[in-house]
Amino acid sequence: MPSFNIHLAIANRYMQKHKIENEEEFLTGNIAPDFAEKAKSHYSIILENATLSEELKNKVIIKNFLKENEIKTDYDKGVFLHLLADKIFFTSFFEDEYLQTVDKDVFRKNLYYSYDKTNAYLVEKYNIKFPKKYEKEIEKNIKDNVAEKNYKTGGEVCILPFDKLDKFIEEVSNINLDEYAENCKNTSC
């Protein structure tokens, strides 16, 4: 999943481009799926012995989300945008060649290392503020992650170049959620 800061950068850009009545509810929805049991909140399909590419492809099943949910409120829009961001991130952001040459543990280490390397950039560029409902939990989560990892293993690589990250944020924030949801009813998404 993208980091909290990536999700909130997308949400901030989305609110600049689209009409959102209740910004706090929208921001809260953008973070909520990561505070629930992730396999359920992301409609994941868990496959035994899946390759990294297969695992990432099945982390979010948009069609299943849409079967069970309607997008009526700004909170719903936030949840939907979060899930779309995750789906697009894990199916389009990383080159297949990279995913085929790295194991799952190395990928995760590089990904979380990259989140730490991009956090300050994202906060400054996208004027990120955490939704009040989750503010303390997010701050605690970030501190716990840094303390827990401490990067004792070394060798991590930043796999989130700023320019590619900016492009991703712009692309996802341009999505018309209503149109996307409607198209998903008629195609696989």
N, C-alpha and C. Protein backbone atom coordinates (compact mmCIF):
# COMPACT_ATOMS: atom_id res chain seq x y z
N MET A 1 0.83 -1.18 0.00
CA MET A 1 0.00 0.00 0.00
C MET A 1 0.87 1.24 0.00
N PRO A 2 0.44 2.30 -0.61
CA PRO A 2 1.17 3.55 -0.47
C PRO A 2 1.15 4.01 0.99
N SER A 3 2.11 4.81 1.34
CA SER A 3 2.20 5.32 2.71
C SER A 3 1.04 6.28 3.00
N PHE A 4 0.85 6.57 4.28
CA PHE A 4 -0.16 7.56 4.67
C PHE A 4 0.07 8.87 3.91
N ASN A 5 1.34 9.28 3.81
CA ASN A 5 1.64 10.56 3.16
C ASN A 5 1.31 10.53 1.67
N ILE A 6 1.52 9.40 1.02
CA ILE A 6 1.16 9.31 -0.40
C ILE A 6 -0.36 9.39 -0.54
N HIS A 7 -1.08 8.66 0.30
CA HIS A 7 -2.55 8.72 0.24
C HIS A 7 -3.05 10.14 0.48
N LEU A 8 -2.48 10.82 1.45
CA LEU A 8 -2.95 12.17 1.76
C LEU A 8 -2.52 13.19 0.70
N ALA A 9 -1.38 12.96 0.06
CA ALA A 9 -0.99 13.82 -1.05
C ALA A 9 -1.99 13.67 -2.20
N ILE A 10 -2.38 12.44 -2.48
CA ILE A 10 -3.39 12.19 -3.52
C ILE A 10 -4.71 12.86 -3.13
N ALA A 11 -5.10 12.69 -1.88
CA ALA A 11 -6.37 13.29 -1.42
C ALA A 11 -6.34 14.81 -1.53
N ASN A 12 -5.23 15.42 -1.13
CA ASN A 12 -5.13 16.89 -1.23
C ASN A 12 -5.24 17.35 -2.68
N ARG A 13 -4.53 16.68 -3.58
CA ARG A 13 -4.60 17.06 -4.99
C ARG A 13 -6.01 16.79 -5.54
N TYR A 14 -6.62 15.69 -5.11
CA TYR A 14 -7.98 15.37 -5.56
C TYR A 14 -8.94 16.49 -5.16
N MET A 15 -8.83 16.95 -3.92
CA MET A 15 -9.74 18.01 -3.45
C MET A 15 -9.52 19.32 -4.20
N GLN A 16 -8.32 19.54 -4.72
CA GLN A 16 -8.06 20.74 -5.51
C GLN A 16 -8.70 20.65 -6.89
N LYS A 17 -8.93 19.44 -7.37
CA LYS A 17 -9.42 19.22 -8.73
C LYS A 17 -10.90 18.86 -8.81
N HIS A 18 -11.47 18.38 -7.69
CA HIS A 18 -12.84 17.87 -7.69
C HIS A 18 -13.60 18.46 -6.50
N LYS A 19 -14.91 18.49 -6.63
CA LYS A 19 -15.75 19.05 -5.58
C LYS A 19 -15.92 18.04 -4.44
N ILE A 20 -15.50 18.44 -3.27
CA ILE A 20 -15.66 17.65 -2.04
C ILE A 20 -16.28 18.57 -1.01
N GLU A 21 -17.43 18.19 -0.51
CA GLU A 21 -18.15 19.02 0.47
C GLU A 21 -17.50 18.97 1.86
N ASN A 22 -17.23 17.75 2.33
CA ASN A 22 -16.71 17.57 3.68
C ASN A 22 -15.29 17.01 3.59
N GLU A 23 -14.32 17.92 3.59
CA GLU A 23 -12.93 17.52 3.39
C GLU A 23 -12.41 16.63 4.51
N GLU A 24 -12.81 16.88 5.75
CA GLU A 24 -12.34 16.06 6.87
C GLU A 24 -12.83 14.61 6.71
N GLU A 25 -14.09 14.43 6.31
CA GLU A 25 -14.62 13.09 6.08
C GLU A 25 -13.91 12.41 4.91
N PHE A 26 -13.63 13.16 3.86
CA PHE A 26 -12.92 12.62 2.70
C PHE A 26 -11.52 12.16 3.10
N LEU A 27 -10.80 12.99 3.86
CA LEU A 27 -9.46 12.62 4.32
C LEU A 27 -9.51 11.41 5.24
N THR A 28 -10.51 11.37 6.11
CA THR A 28 -10.67 10.23 7.02
C THR A 28 -10.90 8.95 6.22
N GLY A 29 -11.75 9.02 5.21
CA GLY A 29 -11.98 7.86 4.35
C GLY A 29 -10.73 7.41 3.63
N ASN A 30 -9.87 8.36 3.28
CA ASN A 30 -8.62 8.03 2.60
C ASN A 30 -7.65 7.24 3.47
N ILE A 31 -7.81 7.31 4.76
CA ILE A 31 -6.90 6.62 5.68
C ILE A 31 -7.57 5.39 6.30
N ALA A 32 -8.87 5.40 6.43
CA ALA A 32 -9.61 4.35 7.16
C ALA A 32 -9.27 2.92 6.76
N PRO A 33 -9.13 2.58 5.48
CA PRO A 33 -8.86 1.17 5.15
C PRO A 33 -7.58 0.61 5.78
N ASP A 34 -6.63 1.47 6.07
CA ASP A 34 -5.38 0.99 6.66
C ASP A 34 -5.46 0.83 8.17
N PHE A 35 -6.58 1.21 8.77
CA PHE A 35 -6.78 1.02 10.21
C PHE A 35 -7.77 -0.12 10.48
N ALA A 36 -8.12 -0.85 9.45
CA ALA A 36 -8.99 -2.02 9.60
C ALA A 36 -8.17 -3.25 9.22
N GLU A 37 -8.76 -4.42 9.35
CA GLU A 37 -8.07 -5.63 8.90
C GLU A 37 -7.88 -5.52 7.39
N LYS A 38 -6.64 -5.41 6.97
CA LYS A 38 -6.35 -5.02 5.59
C LYS A 38 -6.88 -5.99 4.53
N ALA A 39 -6.81 -7.26 4.78
CA ALA A 39 -7.31 -8.20 3.77
C ALA A 39 -8.80 -7.98 3.51
N LYS A 40 -9.56 -7.67 4.57
CA LYS A 40 -11.00 -7.43 4.42
C LYS A 40 -11.26 -6.03 3.86
N SER A 41 -10.61 -5.02 4.41
CA SER A 41 -10.89 -3.64 4.00
C SER A 41 -10.42 -3.36 2.57
N HIS A 42 -9.49 -4.17 2.07
CA HIS A 42 -8.97 -3.99 0.72
C HIS A 42 -9.50 -5.04 -0.26
N TYR A 43 -10.37 -5.93 0.24
CA TYR A 43 -10.99 -6.96 -0.59
C TYR A 43 -9.93 -7.81 -1.28
N SER A 44 -8.90 -8.15 -0.52
CA SER A 44 -7.76 -8.92 -1.04
C SER A 44 -8.14 -10.36 -1.31
N ILE A 45 -7.43 -10.94 -2.27
CA ILE A 45 -7.48 -12.37 -2.51
C ILE A 45 -6.12 -12.91 -2.13
N ILE A 46 -6.10 -13.83 -1.17
CA ILE A 46 -4.85 -14.40 -0.69
C ILE A 46 -4.61 -15.72 -1.42
N LEU A 47 -3.50 -15.79 -2.13
CA LEU A 47 -3.14 -17.00 -2.88
C LEU A 47 -1.93 -17.65 -2.22
N GLU A 48 -2.00 -18.95 -2.01
CA GLU A 48 -0.85 -19.67 -1.47
C GLU A 48 0.26 -19.69 -2.51
N ASN A 49 1.49 -19.52 -2.05
CA ASN A 49 2.68 -19.59 -2.91
C ASN A 49 2.63 -18.60 -4.08
N ALA A 50 1.99 -17.48 -3.89
CA ALA A 50 1.91 -16.46 -4.95
C ALA A 50 3.27 -15.81 -5.14
N THR A 51 3.56 -15.47 -6.38
CA THR A 51 4.75 -14.67 -6.64
C THR A 51 4.49 -13.26 -6.12
N LEU A 52 5.51 -12.45 -6.04
CA LEU A 52 5.35 -11.07 -5.60
C LEU A 52 4.36 -10.34 -6.51
N SER A 53 4.49 -10.49 -7.80
CA SER A 53 3.58 -9.83 -8.75
C SER A 53 2.14 -10.26 -8.54
N GLU A 54 1.93 -11.56 -8.34
CA GLU A 54 0.58 -12.07 -8.12
C GLU A 54 0.01 -11.54 -6.80
N GLU A 55 0.84 -11.52 -5.78
CA GLU A 55 0.39 -11.01 -4.48
C GLU A 55 -0.03 -9.55 -4.58
N LEU A 56 0.78 -8.75 -5.26
CA LEU A 56 0.47 -7.32 -5.39
C LEU A 56 -0.79 -7.11 -6.23
N LYS A 57 -0.94 -7.89 -7.29
CA LYS A 57 -2.12 -7.77 -8.16
C LYS A 57 -3.41 -8.04 -7.40
N ASN A 58 -3.34 -8.91 -6.39
CA ASN A 58 -4.54 -9.32 -5.66
C ASN A 58 -4.71 -8.62 -4.32
N LYS A 59 -3.91 -7.61 -4.04
CA LYS A 59 -4.03 -6.88 -2.77
C LYS A 59 -5.34 -6.10 -2.67
N VAL A 60 -5.84 -5.61 -3.80
CA VAL A 60 -7.10 -4.84 -3.81
C VAL A 60 -7.93 -5.32 -4.99
N ILE A 61 -9.16 -5.73 -4.69
CA ILE A 61 -10.08 -6.15 -5.75
C ILE A 61 -11.22 -5.13 -5.77
N ILE A 62 -11.10 -4.16 -6.66
CA ILE A 62 -12.04 -3.04 -6.76
C ILE A 62 -13.46 -3.53 -7.04
N LYS A 63 -13.59 -4.48 -7.93
CA LYS A 63 -14.93 -4.98 -8.30
C LYS A 63 -15.67 -5.51 -7.06
N ASN A 64 -14.96 -6.21 -6.19
CA ASN A 64 -15.60 -6.73 -4.97
C ASN A 64 -16.00 -5.62 -4.01
N PHE A 65 -15.19 -4.58 -3.93
CA PHE A 65 -15.56 -3.42 -3.12
C PHE A 65 -16.85 -2.81 -3.64
N LEU A 66 -16.93 -2.64 -4.95
CA LEU A 66 -18.10 -1.98 -5.55
C LEU A 66 -19.35 -2.84 -5.46
N LYS A 67 -19.20 -4.16 -5.40
CA LYS A 67 -20.36 -5.03 -5.23
C LYS A 67 -21.01 -4.82 -3.86
N GLU A 68 -20.21 -4.47 -2.87
CA GLU A 68 -20.71 -4.35 -1.50
C GLU A 68 -20.93 -2.91 -1.04
N ASN A 69 -20.49 -1.94 -1.81
CA ASN A 69 -20.54 -0.55 -1.36
C ASN A 69 -21.03 0.39 -2.45
N GLU A 70 -21.69 1.42 -2.02
CA GLU A 70 -22.05 2.53 -2.92
C GLU A 70 -21.21 3.72 -2.52
N ILE A 71 -20.96 4.58 -3.48
CA ILE A 71 -20.13 5.75 -3.21
C ILE A 71 -21.05 6.97 -3.16
N LYS A 72 -21.58 7.21 -1.97
CA LYS A 72 -22.56 8.28 -1.80
C LYS A 72 -21.99 9.48 -1.04
N THR A 73 -21.16 9.23 -0.05
CA THR A 73 -20.68 10.32 0.82
C THR A 73 -19.22 10.64 0.49
N ASP A 74 -18.74 11.74 1.04
CA ASP A 74 -17.33 12.09 0.87
C ASP A 74 -16.43 11.06 1.55
N TYR A 75 -16.88 10.50 2.65
CA TYR A 75 -16.13 9.43 3.31
C TYR A 75 -16.00 8.24 2.35
N ASP A 76 -17.11 7.84 1.72
CA ASP A 76 -17.10 6.73 0.75
C ASP A 76 -16.13 7.03 -0.39
N LYS A 77 -16.16 8.27 -0.87
CA LYS A 77 -15.24 8.66 -1.94
C LYS A 77 -13.79 8.52 -1.49
N GLY A 78 -13.52 8.90 -0.25
CA GLY A 78 -12.17 8.77 0.29
C GLY A 78 -11.71 7.32 0.35
N VAL A 79 -12.59 6.45 0.82
CA VAL A 79 -12.25 5.02 0.88
C VAL A 79 -11.98 4.49 -0.53
N PHE A 80 -12.86 4.84 -1.46
CA PHE A 80 -12.71 4.37 -2.84
C PHE A 80 -11.41 4.88 -3.45
N LEU A 81 -11.09 6.15 -3.23
CA LEU A 81 -9.84 6.70 -3.76
C LEU A 81 -8.64 5.98 -3.15
N HIS A 82 -8.71 5.68 -1.86
CA HIS A 82 -7.63 4.94 -1.21
C HIS A 82 -7.41 3.59 -1.91
N LEU A 83 -8.50 2.85 -2.12
CA LEU A 83 -8.39 1.53 -2.73
C LEU A 83 -7.88 1.61 -4.17
N LEU A 84 -8.35 2.61 -4.92
CA LEU A 84 -7.85 2.80 -6.28
C LEU A 84 -6.36 3.12 -6.28
N ALA A 85 -5.94 3.97 -5.35
CA ALA A 85 -4.52 4.32 -5.26
C ALA A 85 -3.69 3.07 -4.98
N ASP A 86 -4.15 2.25 -4.05
CA ASP A 86 -3.43 1.01 -3.75
C ASP A 86 -3.36 0.11 -4.98
N LYS A 87 -4.50 -0.08 -5.63
CA LYS A 87 -4.56 -0.97 -6.79
C LYS A 87 -3.62 -0.49 -7.89
N ILE A 88 -3.69 0.78 -8.21
CA ILE A 88 -2.85 1.33 -9.28
C ILE A 88 -1.38 1.28 -8.88
N PHE A 89 -1.10 1.60 -7.62
CA PHE A 89 0.28 1.59 -7.12
C PHE A 89 0.89 0.20 -7.30
N PHE A 90 0.17 -0.83 -6.88
CA PHE A 90 0.73 -2.16 -6.91
C PHE A 90 0.65 -2.85 -8.26
N THR A 91 -0.13 -2.33 -9.18
CA THR A 91 -0.20 -2.96 -10.50
C THR A 91 0.51 -2.17 -11.60
N SER A 92 0.83 -0.90 -11.33
CA SER A 92 1.40 -0.07 -12.39
C SER A 92 2.69 0.66 -12.02
N PHE A 93 2.91 0.92 -10.75
CA PHE A 93 4.04 1.77 -10.37
C PHE A 93 5.39 1.09 -10.58
N PHE A 94 5.47 -0.18 -10.26
CA PHE A 94 6.75 -0.89 -10.30
C PHE A 94 6.89 -1.69 -11.59
N GLU A 95 8.08 -1.66 -12.14
CA GLU A 95 8.36 -2.40 -13.37
C GLU A 95 8.31 -3.90 -13.09
N ASP A 96 7.74 -4.66 -14.03
CA ASP A 96 7.67 -6.12 -13.89
C ASP A 96 9.06 -6.72 -13.70
N GLU A 97 10.02 -6.20 -14.42
CA GLU A 97 11.39 -6.73 -14.33
C GLU A 97 11.92 -6.63 -12.90
N TYR A 98 11.66 -5.50 -12.24
CA TYR A 98 12.09 -5.34 -10.84
C TYR A 98 11.37 -6.35 -9.95
N LEU A 99 10.06 -6.48 -10.11
CA LEU A 99 9.28 -7.38 -9.26
C LEU A 99 9.68 -8.84 -9.45
N GLN A 100 10.16 -9.18 -10.63
CA GLN A 100 10.58 -10.55 -10.90
C GLN A 100 11.97 -10.86 -10.37
N THR A 101 12.74 -9.83 -10.07
CA THR A 101 14.12 -10.05 -9.64
C THR A 101 14.35 -9.83 -8.15
N VAL A 102 13.29 -9.50 -7.42
CA VAL A 102 13.45 -9.21 -5.99
C VAL A 102 12.46 -10.10 -5.22
N ASP A 103 12.90 -10.58 -4.05
CA ASP A 103 11.96 -11.38 -3.26
C ASP A 103 11.08 -10.47 -2.40
N LYS A 104 10.04 -11.06 -1.82
CA LYS A 104 9.03 -10.29 -1.09
C LYS A 104 9.62 -9.52 0.09
N ASP A 105 10.52 -10.12 0.83
CA ASP A 105 11.11 -9.44 1.99
C ASP A 105 11.94 -8.24 1.58
N VAL A 106 12.73 -8.40 0.54
CA VAL A 106 13.56 -7.28 0.06
C VAL A 106 12.65 -6.17 -0.47
N PHE A 107 11.61 -6.54 -1.20
CA PHE A 107 10.67 -5.55 -1.71
C PHE A 107 10.06 -4.74 -0.55
N ARG A 108 9.59 -5.43 0.48
CA ARG A 108 8.97 -4.74 1.62
C ARG A 108 9.97 -3.82 2.32
N LYS A 109 11.19 -4.30 2.54
CA LYS A 109 12.22 -3.46 3.17
C LYS A 109 12.49 -2.22 2.33
N ASN A 110 12.64 -2.42 1.02
CA ASN A 110 12.89 -1.27 0.14
C ASN A 110 11.71 -0.31 0.12
N LEU A 111 10.50 -0.85 0.14
CA LEU A 111 9.31 -0.02 0.10
C LEU A 111 9.20 0.85 1.36
N TYR A 112 9.34 0.24 2.52
CA TYR A 112 9.22 1.01 3.76
C TYR A 112 10.39 1.96 3.95
N TYR A 113 11.56 1.58 3.49
CA TYR A 113 12.71 2.49 3.49
C TYR A 113 12.39 3.69 2.60
N SER A 114 11.79 3.42 1.45
CA SER A 114 11.44 4.49 0.51
C SER A 114 10.39 5.43 1.09
N TYR A 115 9.43 4.88 1.84
CA TYR A 115 8.45 5.74 2.49
C TYR A 115 9.14 6.73 3.42
N ASP A 116 10.07 6.23 4.21
CA ASP A 116 10.80 7.12 5.11
C ASP A 116 11.58 8.18 4.34
N LYS A 117 12.14 7.81 3.21
CA LYS A 117 12.94 8.75 2.41
C LYS A 117 12.08 9.79 1.71
N THR A 118 10.80 9.48 1.46
CA THR A 118 9.95 10.42 0.73
C THR A 118 9.01 11.23 1.63
N ASN A 119 8.89 10.87 2.90
CA ASN A 119 7.91 11.52 3.78
C ASN A 119 8.07 13.03 3.84
N ALA A 120 9.26 13.52 4.12
CA ALA A 120 9.46 14.97 4.27
C ALA A 120 9.14 15.70 2.97
N TYR A 121 9.57 15.14 1.85
CA TYR A 121 9.28 15.72 0.54
C TYR A 121 7.77 15.85 0.32
N LEU A 122 7.03 14.78 0.59
CA LEU A 122 5.58 14.77 0.37
C LEU A 122 4.86 15.75 1.30
N VAL A 123 5.25 15.77 2.56
CA VAL A 123 4.61 16.67 3.53
C VAL A 123 4.78 18.11 3.08
N GLU A 124 5.98 18.46 2.65
CA GLU A 124 6.24 19.84 2.23
C GLU A 124 5.56 20.18 0.91
N LYS A 125 5.72 19.35 -0.09
CA LYS A 125 5.18 19.66 -1.42
C LYS A 125 3.65 19.66 -1.45
N TYR A 126 3.01 18.72 -0.72
CA TYR A 126 1.57 18.56 -0.80
C TYR A 126 0.83 19.07 0.43
N ASN A 127 1.56 19.76 1.31
CA ASN A 127 0.95 20.38 2.49
C ASN A 127 0.06 19.39 3.24
N ILE A 128 0.64 18.27 3.60
CA ILE A 128 -0.12 17.17 4.20
C ILE A 128 -0.47 17.46 5.66
N LYS A 129 -1.73 17.23 5.95
CA LYS A 129 -2.23 17.27 7.32
C LYS A 129 -3.03 16.00 7.52
N PHE A 130 -2.83 15.36 8.66
CA PHE A 130 -3.55 14.13 8.94
C PHE A 130 -4.97 14.43 9.38
N PRO A 131 -5.93 13.57 9.02
CA PRO A 131 -7.30 13.76 9.51
C PRO A 131 -7.30 13.69 11.04
N LYS A 132 -8.06 14.55 11.66
CA LYS A 132 -8.07 14.63 13.13
C LYS A 132 -8.36 13.28 13.77
N LYS A 133 -9.28 12.52 13.19
CA LYS A 133 -9.67 11.24 13.78
C LYS A 133 -8.48 10.29 13.93
N TYR A 134 -7.53 10.35 13.00
CA TYR A 134 -6.41 9.41 12.99
C TYR A 134 -5.06 10.05 13.28
N GLU A 135 -5.03 11.33 13.55
CA GLU A 135 -3.78 12.07 13.69
C GLU A 135 -2.81 11.41 14.67
N LYS A 136 -3.25 11.11 15.86
CA LYS A 136 -2.36 10.52 16.88
C LYS A 136 -1.94 9.11 16.49
N GLU A 137 -2.86 8.34 15.94
CA GLU A 137 -2.54 6.98 15.54
C GLU A 137 -1.52 6.94 14.41
N ILE A 138 -1.64 7.84 13.45
CA ILE A 138 -0.69 7.89 12.35
C ILE A 138 0.69 8.28 12.87
N GLU A 139 0.75 9.31 13.69
CA GLU A 139 2.04 9.73 14.24
C GLU A 139 2.68 8.60 15.03
N LYS A 140 1.89 7.88 15.83
CA LYS A 140 2.42 6.76 16.61
C LYS A 140 2.90 5.65 15.67
N ASN A 141 2.12 5.36 14.64
CA ASN A 141 2.47 4.32 13.68
C ASN A 141 3.80 4.64 13.00
N ILE A 142 3.98 5.89 12.59
CA ILE A 142 5.22 6.31 11.93
C ILE A 142 6.40 6.16 12.89
N LYS A 143 6.24 6.61 14.12
CA LYS A 143 7.32 6.48 15.11
C LYS A 143 7.64 5.02 15.40
N ASP A 144 6.61 4.19 15.56
CA ASP A 144 6.81 2.76 15.83
C ASP A 144 7.54 2.09 14.67
N ASN A 145 7.17 2.43 13.44
CA ASN A 145 7.83 1.85 12.28
C ASN A 145 9.31 2.18 12.25
N VAL A 146 9.64 3.44 12.50
CA VAL A 146 11.03 3.86 12.49
C VAL A 146 11.80 3.16 13.60
N ALA A 147 11.24 3.12 14.79
CA ALA A 147 11.91 2.47 15.92
C ALA A 147 12.07 0.97 15.68
N GLU A 148 11.05 0.35 15.13
CA GLU A 148 11.06 -1.10 14.92
C GLU A 148 12.08 -1.50 13.86
N LYS A 149 12.10 -0.79 12.74
CA LYS A 149 12.97 -1.17 11.63
C LYS A 149 14.42 -0.82 11.91
N ASN A 150 14.64 0.42 12.22
CA ASN A 150 15.97 0.94 12.52
C ASN A 150 17.00 0.58 11.44
N TYR A 151 16.59 -0.04 10.37
CA TYR A 151 17.44 -0.35 9.22
C TYR A 151 18.78 -0.97 9.60
N LYS A 152 18.73 -1.95 10.48
CA LYS A 152 19.95 -2.63 10.91
C LYS A 152 20.53 -3.50 9.80
N THR A 153 19.70 -3.92 8.87
CA THR A 153 20.19 -4.82 7.84
C THR A 153 21.00 -4.09 6.77
N GLY A 154 20.70 -2.84 6.51
CA GLY A 154 21.42 -2.08 5.50
C GLY A 154 21.08 -2.56 4.10
N GLY A 155 21.56 -1.85 3.11
CA GLY A 155 21.39 -2.24 1.72
C GLY A 155 20.06 -1.88 1.10
N GLU A 156 19.17 -1.21 1.86
CA GLU A 156 17.89 -0.85 1.28
C GLU A 156 18.09 0.18 0.16
N VAL A 157 17.16 0.15 -0.78
CA VAL A 157 17.21 1.03 -1.94
C VAL A 157 15.90 1.80 -2.00
N CYS A 158 15.97 3.08 -2.32
CA CYS A 158 14.75 3.87 -2.50
C CYS A 158 14.17 3.53 -3.86
N ILE A 159 12.97 2.96 -3.84
CA ILE A 159 12.32 2.52 -5.09
C ILE A 159 11.16 3.45 -5.47
N LEU A 160 11.11 4.63 -4.85
CA LEU A 160 10.07 5.61 -5.14
C LEU A 160 10.71 6.94 -5.56
N PRO A 161 11.16 7.03 -6.82
CA PRO A 161 11.75 8.30 -7.26
C PRO A 161 10.71 9.42 -7.19
N PHE A 162 11.13 10.60 -6.74
CA PHE A 162 10.21 11.71 -6.53
C PHE A 162 9.42 12.05 -7.79
N ASP A 163 10.07 12.08 -8.96
CA ASP A 163 9.36 12.46 -10.18
C ASP A 163 8.29 11.43 -10.54
N LYS A 164 8.59 10.17 -10.37
CA LYS A 164 7.60 9.12 -10.66
C LYS A 164 6.46 9.15 -9.63
N LEU A 165 6.81 9.44 -8.39
CA LEU A 165 5.81 9.55 -7.34
C LEU A 165 4.87 10.72 -7.62
N ASP A 166 5.42 11.86 -8.02
CA ASP A 166 4.59 13.03 -8.37
C ASP A 166 3.65 12.70 -9.52
N LYS A 167 4.16 12.01 -10.53
CA LYS A 167 3.33 11.63 -11.68
C LYS A 167 2.19 10.71 -11.23
N PHE A 168 2.50 9.75 -10.36
CA PHE A 168 1.49 8.84 -9.82
C PHE A 168 0.41 9.61 -9.06
N ILE A 169 0.82 10.52 -8.21
CA ILE A 169 -0.12 11.33 -7.42
C ILE A 169 -1.03 12.13 -8.35
N GLU A 170 -0.48 12.72 -9.37
CA GLU A 170 -1.29 13.50 -10.33
C GLU A 170 -2.27 12.60 -11.08
N GLU A 171 -1.80 11.46 -11.55
CA GLU A 171 -2.67 10.56 -12.31
C GLU A 171 -3.84 10.07 -11.46
N VAL A 172 -3.56 9.63 -10.24
CA VAL A 172 -4.64 9.10 -9.40
C VAL A 172 -5.60 10.21 -8.99
N SER A 173 -5.07 11.39 -8.71
CA SER A 173 -5.95 12.49 -8.28
C SER A 173 -6.80 13.03 -9.42
N ASN A 174 -6.48 12.67 -10.65
CA ASN A 174 -7.30 13.09 -11.80
C ASN A 174 -8.50 12.18 -12.04
N ILE A 175 -8.54 11.02 -11.42
CA ILE A 175 -9.60 10.04 -11.68
C ILE A 175 -10.96 10.59 -11.25
N ASN A 176 -11.92 10.46 -12.13
CA ASN A 176 -13.30 10.77 -11.79
C ASN A 176 -13.87 9.51 -11.15
N LEU A 177 -14.09 9.54 -9.84
CA LEU A 177 -14.49 8.34 -9.11
C LEU A 177 -15.81 7.76 -9.58
N ASP A 178 -16.78 8.62 -9.88
CA ASP A 178 -18.08 8.14 -10.34
C ASP A 178 -17.96 7.41 -11.68
N GLU A 179 -17.22 8.00 -12.60
CA GLU A 179 -17.03 7.36 -13.91
C GLU A 179 -16.26 6.05 -13.78
N TYR A 180 -15.24 6.05 -12.94
CA TYR A 180 -14.44 4.84 -12.75
C TYR A 180 -15.31 3.72 -12.20
N ALA A 181 -16.11 4.04 -11.19
CA ALA A 181 -17.00 3.03 -10.59
C ALA A 181 -17.98 2.50 -11.64
N GLU A 182 -18.55 3.38 -12.42
CA GLU A 182 -19.50 2.97 -13.45
C GLU A 182 -18.83 2.06 -14.49
N ASN A 183 -17.62 2.41 -14.91
CA ASN A 183 -16.88 1.59 -15.87
C ASN A 183 -16.55 0.22 -15.30
N CYS A 184 -16.32 0.14 -14.01
CA CYS A 184 -15.99 -1.13 -13.37
C CYS A 184 -17.16 -2.10 -13.40
N LYS A 185 -18.35 -1.59 -13.46
CA LYS A 185 -19.52 -2.47 -13.52
C LYS A 185 -19.57 -3.22 -14.84
N ASN A 186 -18.96 -2.62 -15.88
CA ASN A 186 -19.03 -3.22 -17.21
C ASN A 186 -17.74 -3.90 -17.66
N THR A 187 -16.68 -3.71 -16.92
CA THR A 187 -15.39 -4.30 -17.29
C THR A 187 -14.72 -4.86 -16.04
N SER A 188 -13.62 -5.53 -16.25
CA SER A 188 -12.85 -5.95 -15.09
C SER A 188 -11.92 -4.80 -14.70
N CYS A 189 -11.86 -4.55 -13.44
CA CYS A 189 -11.01 -3.45 -12.99
C CYS A 189 -10.22 -3.87 -11.76
